[in-house]
Amino acid sequence: MTDPHPHSSKEIAWNGVRVQVPMTWEISRMGRRYLQLEDDAGPVFELKWQPIRGVFSHERHLRKVASRHWSRRGARVQACDLPQGWAAALEAYSARAFQWQGSSLEGRGAILFCSHCQTAHLLQFLRRDIVDQSGLCCRVLTSLRDHPPCGATDHVRWAIYDLRADLPSFLRLENYRFGAGAFCMTFDGPRRTSVSLHRWGPASVLLKQQTLRRFVARQLAWTADLMSGGMIEDETYLHLEGAYPVNPWARRIRQLLRQNVYHWLHAWHDEIHNRILAVDAHGSTPLPRRVLEQVSDRYVVV
C-alpha cells in the first residue's frame, strides 16, 4: 500500500533504538527488543536487536534467519548484495543483506552490527510492494539509531504510540503494559528504586464523576498513609513526595525489609490531548528530586 503522504513520518523510540517511519505504519507486535509494524494491508517492517558479547558473525545470524523463515513461512532465504541506496543509509553499520520468498510472501532485510555500542540488528521489509519503494526503505534505514550521539549519553528517548519521554540512561525497562485507555512503563533505578510512567484516557470520561486525586489513588492503590499525606493539588495537578510511614521506627523496619518507603508522585490532566499523565517513583531510598522533576518535564503526549 502506497503512503498517501510519502514524506510524512513519526518517530518510534523503544529501549535504546530509534527509527522514523511513515505515519500510516502502526505497531502490531512488540517485545523488550522487538518491534513489528503494519499498515492497512498487513505487516510491513520488523526490527529486532540485542547486545553482543564477543565476536559477531553475520553468517551465523543469517543461518538462524534462514531456519526461522523456513519453519514459519516456508520461505527460502539467501544472501544478496545491499540494494541501491541501502549501503549509504547503513554506512554506520557492518551490514549484510538477504532476501526471501515463499509461496505468497517475499521480502528483503539486513543483518547489522554496530561496533560502537556492540549491538546487532535484524531488520526486514515484509512485503514486495514496500521493498519496491526504494526511497521509503532508504529513509527508514537512514533514520535508524541505536545509541545517542557522542557526548549525549545521559538521556534515552522513548516514543511509543502517543507518548514521548527522555529518561536518564540509568533507568532500565522492567515492565510495560499498553492496554485500552491505560499505558504504563516501569523502570528500575539505582538502589532498589522504581519509576513508572502512566497514561490514562480519555480524561473527560475518567474525571467526569471524580477528582484527579481520587482517580489516581484508585489506579495506584494508594495506602491510607499516602492518602492522608500532605499534597499539593488543584483540579488539574497533583503532587506528593515524602517518606511513609511518618513514624520513623515503622519506616526503618520497612527499609530493613527492603519495602517502599520514599514516594514521589506528579500527576496532571493534559486538557489539550484529553489525557491523564503521571510519574510515580518509589523505593527504599529516594532518587534526587531534580532527576524526577526532569523526568516529569520531559514526559508528554504528542
Protein backbone atom coordinates (compact mmCIF):
# COMPACT_ATOMS: atom_id res chain seq x y z
CA MET A 1 0.00 0.00 0.00
CA THR A 2 1.47 3.35 -1.05
CA ASP A 3 1.65 6.03 1.62
CA PRO A 4 -0.59 8.94 0.52
CA HIS A 5 1.81 11.32 2.30
CA PRO A 6 5.16 9.79 1.35
CA HIS A 7 7.38 12.20 3.25
CA SER A 8 5.35 12.46 6.49
CA SER A 9 6.87 10.40 9.29
CA LYS A 10 6.84 9.81 13.01
CA GLU A 11 9.45 8.69 15.48
CA ILE A 12 9.34 5.38 17.29
CA ALA A 13 11.91 5.01 20.08
CA TRP A 14 11.95 1.85 22.16
CA ASN A 15 14.55 0.51 24.57
CA GLY A 16 17.57 2.19 23.01
CA VAL A 17 16.56 2.11 19.33
CA ARG A 18 15.03 4.98 17.34
CA VAL A 19 13.60 4.99 13.82
CA GLN A 20 11.44 7.27 11.66
CA VAL A 21 8.57 5.52 9.86
CA PRO A 22 5.58 6.61 7.74
CA MET A 23 2.60 7.98 9.66
CA THR A 24 0.44 5.12 8.37
CA TRP A 25 2.61 2.45 10.00
CA GLU A 26 1.41 1.30 13.42
CA ILE A 27 2.86 -1.07 16.00
CA SER A 28 1.26 -4.50 15.71
CA ARG A 29 3.61 -6.55 17.92
CA MET A 30 6.34 -5.64 20.37
CA GLY A 31 8.77 -7.15 22.85
CA ARG A 32 11.57 -5.91 25.04
CA ARG A 33 13.86 -5.66 21.97
CA TYR A 34 11.42 -6.25 19.15
CA LEU A 35 9.02 -4.21 17.01
CA GLN A 36 6.71 -5.21 14.19
CA LEU A 37 4.85 -2.54 12.25
CA GLU A 38 1.87 -2.81 9.94
CA ASP A 39 -0.32 -0.69 7.68
CA ASP A 40 -3.87 -1.28 6.46
CA ALA A 41 -2.67 -4.10 4.19
CA GLY A 42 -0.74 -6.03 6.85
CA PRO A 43 2.79 -6.30 8.35
CA VAL A 44 5.40 -4.09 6.67
CA PHE A 45 8.51 -3.92 8.84
CA GLU A 46 10.21 -5.91 11.57
CA LEU A 47 13.14 -4.95 13.77
CA LYS A 48 14.97 -6.99 16.40
CA TRP A 49 18.12 -6.04 18.29
CA GLN A 50 20.34 -7.35 21.05
CA PRO A 51 23.67 -6.51 22.68
CA ILE A 52 26.55 -8.72 21.60
CA ARG A 53 29.32 -10.10 23.75
CA GLY A 54 32.35 -11.43 21.97
CA VAL A 55 32.78 -11.82 18.22
CA PHE A 56 29.80 -11.16 15.96
CA SER A 57 29.19 -13.30 12.86
CA HIS A 58 26.80 -12.23 10.09
CA GLU A 59 26.89 -15.73 8.63
CA ARG A 60 25.81 -17.40 11.87
CA HIS A 61 22.90 -15.00 12.26
CA LEU A 62 21.88 -15.47 8.63
CA ARG A 63 21.67 -19.23 9.18
CA LYS A 64 19.33 -18.59 12.11
CA VAL A 65 17.18 -16.29 9.97
CA ALA A 66 17.00 -18.89 7.20
CA SER A 67 15.93 -21.61 9.61
CA ARG A 68 13.25 -19.41 11.17
CA HIS A 69 11.82 -18.29 7.82
CA TRP A 70 11.61 -21.85 6.57
CA SER A 71 9.84 -23.11 9.68
CA ARG A 72 7.41 -20.18 9.93
CA ARG A 73 6.74 -19.14 6.33
CA GLY A 74 8.08 -21.94 4.18
CA ALA A 75 10.35 -19.33 2.62
CA ARG A 76 13.88 -19.76 1.34
CA VAL A 77 16.44 -17.17 2.42
CA GLN A 78 19.57 -16.28 0.51
CA ALA A 79 22.25 -13.65 0.93
CA CYS A 80 22.28 -10.83 -1.62
CA ASP A 81 24.02 -7.54 -2.32
CA LEU A 82 22.83 -4.48 -0.46
CA PRO A 83 20.18 -2.81 -2.65
CA GLN A 84 20.99 0.52 -4.24
CA GLY A 85 20.84 3.21 -1.59
CA TRP A 86 20.95 0.83 1.37
CA ALA A 87 24.75 0.89 1.64
CA ALA A 88 24.81 4.67 2.10
CA ALA A 89 21.86 4.56 4.52
CA LEU A 90 23.62 1.92 6.64
CA GLU A 91 27.17 3.21 6.41
CA ALA A 92 27.44 3.42 10.22
CA TYR A 93 26.98 -0.37 10.44
CA SER A 94 28.63 -3.52 9.23
CA ALA A 95 25.74 -4.77 7.07
CA ARG A 96 24.80 -7.88 5.10
CA ALA A 97 21.59 -8.10 3.08
CA PHE A 98 19.33 -11.06 2.46
CA GLN A 99 16.11 -11.76 0.60
CA TRP A 100 13.44 -14.40 0.99
CA GLN A 101 10.49 -15.69 -0.98
CA GLY A 102 7.66 -18.02 -0.06
CA SER A 103 4.52 -19.21 -1.80
CA SER A 104 2.64 -15.97 -1.11
CA LEU A 105 5.11 -13.61 0.59
CA GLU A 106 8.50 -12.16 -0.16
CA GLY A 107 10.72 -9.55 1.39
CA ARG A 108 14.18 -8.21 1.95
CA GLY A 109 16.21 -7.38 5.02
CA ALA A 110 19.63 -6.87 6.52
CA ILE A 111 21.70 -8.03 9.46
CA LEU A 112 23.57 -5.13 11.05
CA PHE A 113 26.27 -4.79 13.64
CA CYS A 114 27.22 -1.53 15.36
CA SER A 115 30.77 -1.71 16.69
CA HIS A 116 30.27 1.49 18.72
CA CYS A 117 27.63 0.04 21.08
CA GLN A 118 28.12 -3.68 20.29
CA THR A 119 24.51 -4.10 19.13
CA ALA A 120 23.24 -6.45 16.41
CA HIS A 121 20.05 -5.80 14.44
CA LEU A 122 17.82 -7.89 12.25
CA LEU A 123 15.52 -5.76 10.10
CA GLN A 124 13.12 -6.79 7.37
CA PHE A 125 10.68 -5.17 4.98
CA LEU A 126 7.97 -7.79 4.85
CA ARG A 127 6.22 -7.15 1.54
CA ARG A 128 7.26 -6.79 -2.08
CA ASP A 129 5.31 -3.54 -2.54
CA ILE A 130 7.29 -1.98 0.31
CA VAL A 131 10.65 -3.28 -0.94
CA ASP A 132 9.91 -1.77 -4.36
CA GLN A 133 9.66 1.69 -2.77
CA SER A 134 13.41 2.18 -2.53
CA GLY A 135 13.15 5.79 -1.38
CA LEU A 136 10.89 4.82 1.50
CA CYS A 137 13.16 1.97 2.58
CA CYS A 138 16.23 4.20 2.48
CA ARG A 139 14.55 6.91 4.56
CA VAL A 140 13.64 4.37 7.23
CA LEU A 141 17.13 2.85 7.25
CA THR A 142 18.87 6.24 7.32
CA SER A 143 16.89 7.20 10.42
CA LEU A 144 17.87 4.10 12.43
CA ARG A 145 19.80 4.91 15.61
CA ASP A 146 20.92 2.55 18.37
CA HIS A 147 22.96 4.87 20.58
CA PRO A 148 22.94 8.60 21.36
CA PRO A 149 25.35 10.96 19.60
CA CYS A 150 28.78 11.26 21.17
CA GLY A 151 28.61 13.46 24.25
CA ALA A 152 24.84 13.00 24.69
CA THR A 153 24.68 9.73 26.60
CA ASP A 154 22.89 10.88 29.75
CA HIS A 155 19.32 10.51 28.41
CA VAL A 156 17.45 7.95 26.29
CA ARG A 157 14.45 8.78 24.10
CA TRP A 158 11.23 6.75 24.42
CA ALA A 159 8.48 7.42 21.84
CA ILE A 160 5.70 4.87 21.63
CA TYR A 161 2.11 5.37 20.46
CA ASP A 162 1.22 8.92 21.57
CA LEU A 163 3.83 9.13 24.34
CA ARG A 164 7.30 10.64 24.36
CA ALA A 165 9.83 10.75 27.19
CA ASP A 166 13.52 11.48 27.62
CA LEU A 167 14.72 9.44 30.59
CA PRO A 168 18.05 9.20 32.39
CA SER A 169 20.12 6.41 30.90
CA PHE A 170 20.46 4.68 34.28
CA LEU A 171 16.74 3.78 34.26
CA ARG A 172 16.26 0.30 32.79
CA LEU A 173 12.97 -1.01 31.41
CA GLU A 174 11.50 -3.55 33.81
CA ASN A 175 7.91 -3.94 32.62
CA TYR A 176 5.33 -2.38 30.32
CA ARG A 177 1.64 -2.59 29.64
CA PHE A 178 -0.29 -0.96 26.80
CA GLY A 179 -3.99 -1.61 27.22
CA ALA A 180 -7.16 0.13 26.08
CA GLY A 181 -7.07 3.56 27.73
CA ALA A 182 -4.23 2.71 30.12
CA PHE A 183 -0.49 2.68 29.40
CA CYS A 184 2.29 2.03 31.90
CA MET A 185 6.06 1.66 31.62
CA THR A 186 8.08 0.78 34.72
CA PHE A 187 11.83 1.29 35.05
CA ASP A 188 14.34 0.06 37.60
CA GLY A 189 16.66 2.66 39.07
CA PRO A 190 19.69 2.53 41.36
CA ARG A 191 19.48 1.39 44.99
CA ARG A 192 16.18 -0.52 44.64
CA THR A 193 14.19 2.39 43.24
CA SER A 194 11.43 2.26 40.63
CA VAL A 195 9.93 4.86 38.31
CA SER A 196 6.65 4.34 36.44
CA LEU A 197 5.18 6.42 33.64
CA HIS A 198 1.38 6.24 33.42
CA ARG A 199 -1.06 7.47 30.81
CA TRP A 200 -4.87 7.18 31.01
CA GLY A 201 -7.62 8.42 28.75
CA PRO A 202 -9.97 9.80 27.72
CA ALA A 203 -9.68 12.12 30.70
CA SER A 204 -13.06 13.76 30.08
CA VAL A 205 -14.74 10.41 30.76
CA LEU A 206 -12.48 9.24 33.59
CA LEU A 207 -12.80 12.52 35.55
CA LYS A 208 -16.47 13.11 34.88
CA GLN A 209 -17.58 11.97 38.34
CA GLN A 210 -14.38 12.00 40.39
CA THR A 211 -11.44 14.24 41.19
CA LEU A 212 -7.95 13.72 39.81
CA ARG A 213 -6.78 12.74 43.31
CA ARG A 214 -9.46 10.09 43.70
CA PHE A 215 -8.81 8.64 40.24
CA VAL A 216 -5.03 8.40 40.69
CA ALA A 217 -5.40 6.95 44.21
CA ARG A 218 -7.60 4.16 42.87
CA GLN A 219 -5.37 3.40 39.91
CA LEU A 220 -2.20 3.24 42.01
CA ALA A 221 -3.85 1.53 45.01
CA TRP A 222 -2.62 4.09 47.50
CA THR A 223 -2.34 3.12 51.16
CA ALA A 224 -4.00 5.06 53.96
CA ASP A 225 -0.63 6.66 54.81
CA LEU A 226 -0.30 8.09 51.32
CA MET A 227 -3.93 9.20 51.14
CA SER A 228 -3.53 11.17 54.39
CA GLY A 229 -0.15 12.62 53.44
CA GLY A 230 0.48 16.22 52.51
CA MET A 231 -0.24 17.04 48.87
CA ILE A 232 -0.15 19.98 46.54
CA GLU A 233 -3.15 19.80 44.25
CA ASP A 234 -5.79 21.56 42.23
CA GLU A 235 -8.28 20.38 39.61
CA THR A 236 -5.63 19.52 37.01
CA TYR A 237 -2.50 18.92 39.08
CA LEU A 238 -1.38 16.63 41.90
CA HIS A 239 1.98 16.37 43.62
CA LEU A 240 3.12 14.24 46.54
CA GLU A 241 6.53 13.46 47.96
CA GLY A 242 7.86 12.21 51.22
CA ALA A 243 8.74 9.28 53.43
CA TYR A 244 5.98 6.96 54.62
CA PRO A 245 5.05 5.77 57.20
CA VAL A 246 5.58 9.03 59.06
CA ASN A 247 6.65 7.15 62.19
CA PRO A 248 10.46 6.80 61.90
CA TRP A 249 10.60 3.39 63.58
CA ALA A 250 7.97 1.93 61.28
CA ARG A 251 9.81 3.47 58.34
CA ARG A 252 13.10 1.92 59.42
CA ILE A 253 11.51 -1.52 59.68
CA ARG A 254 10.21 -1.18 56.11
CA GLN A 255 13.69 -0.18 54.94
CA LEU A 256 15.23 -3.24 56.58
CA LEU A 257 12.62 -5.36 54.81
CA ARG A 258 13.51 -3.64 51.54
CA GLN A 259 9.99 -2.29 51.21
CA ASN A 260 8.99 1.02 49.63
CA VAL A 261 9.46 3.95 51.98
CA TYR A 262 10.03 7.02 49.81
CA HIS A 263 7.33 8.13 47.38
CA TRP A 264 7.27 10.85 44.73
CA LEU A 265 4.25 11.41 42.51
CA HIS A 266 3.46 14.03 39.92
CA ALA A 267 0.14 13.68 38.05
CA TRP A 268 -1.61 16.10 35.75
CA HIS A 269 -4.55 16.42 33.40
CA ASP A 270 -3.42 17.27 29.87
CA GLU A 271 -6.59 19.02 28.74
CA ILE A 272 -5.33 19.63 25.19
CA HIS A 273 -4.81 15.92 24.49
CA ASN A 274 -7.56 14.72 26.86
CA ARG A 275 -5.15 12.50 28.80
CA ILE A 276 -4.04 11.98 32.41
CA LEU A 277 -0.29 11.56 32.89
CA ALA A 278 1.62 10.56 36.00
CA VAL A 279 5.19 9.90 37.07
CA ASP A 280 5.25 7.62 40.11
CA ALA A 281 8.56 6.88 41.86
CA HIS A 282 9.18 4.87 44.99
CA GLY A 283 11.81 2.81 46.74
CA SER A 284 13.61 2.13 49.98
CA THR A 285 15.89 5.10 49.18
CA PRO A 286 14.96 8.33 47.37
CA LEU A 287 16.01 9.40 43.91
CA PRO A 288 17.17 13.04 43.65
CA ARG A 289 14.25 15.44 43.27
CA ARG A 290 16.00 17.17 40.37
CA VAL A 291 16.09 13.89 38.42
CA LEU A 292 12.38 13.20 38.97
CA GLU A 293 11.43 16.75 38.02
CA GLN A 294 13.32 16.35 34.75
CA VAL A 295 11.55 13.05 34.06
CA SER A 296 8.20 14.74 34.62
CA ASP A 297 9.08 17.78 32.48
CA ARG A 298 10.16 15.55 29.57
CA TYR A 299 7.17 13.22 29.64
CA VAL A 300 4.50 14.41 27.18
CA VAL A 301 1.69 13.39 24.85
CA VAL A 302 2.34 14.18 21.19
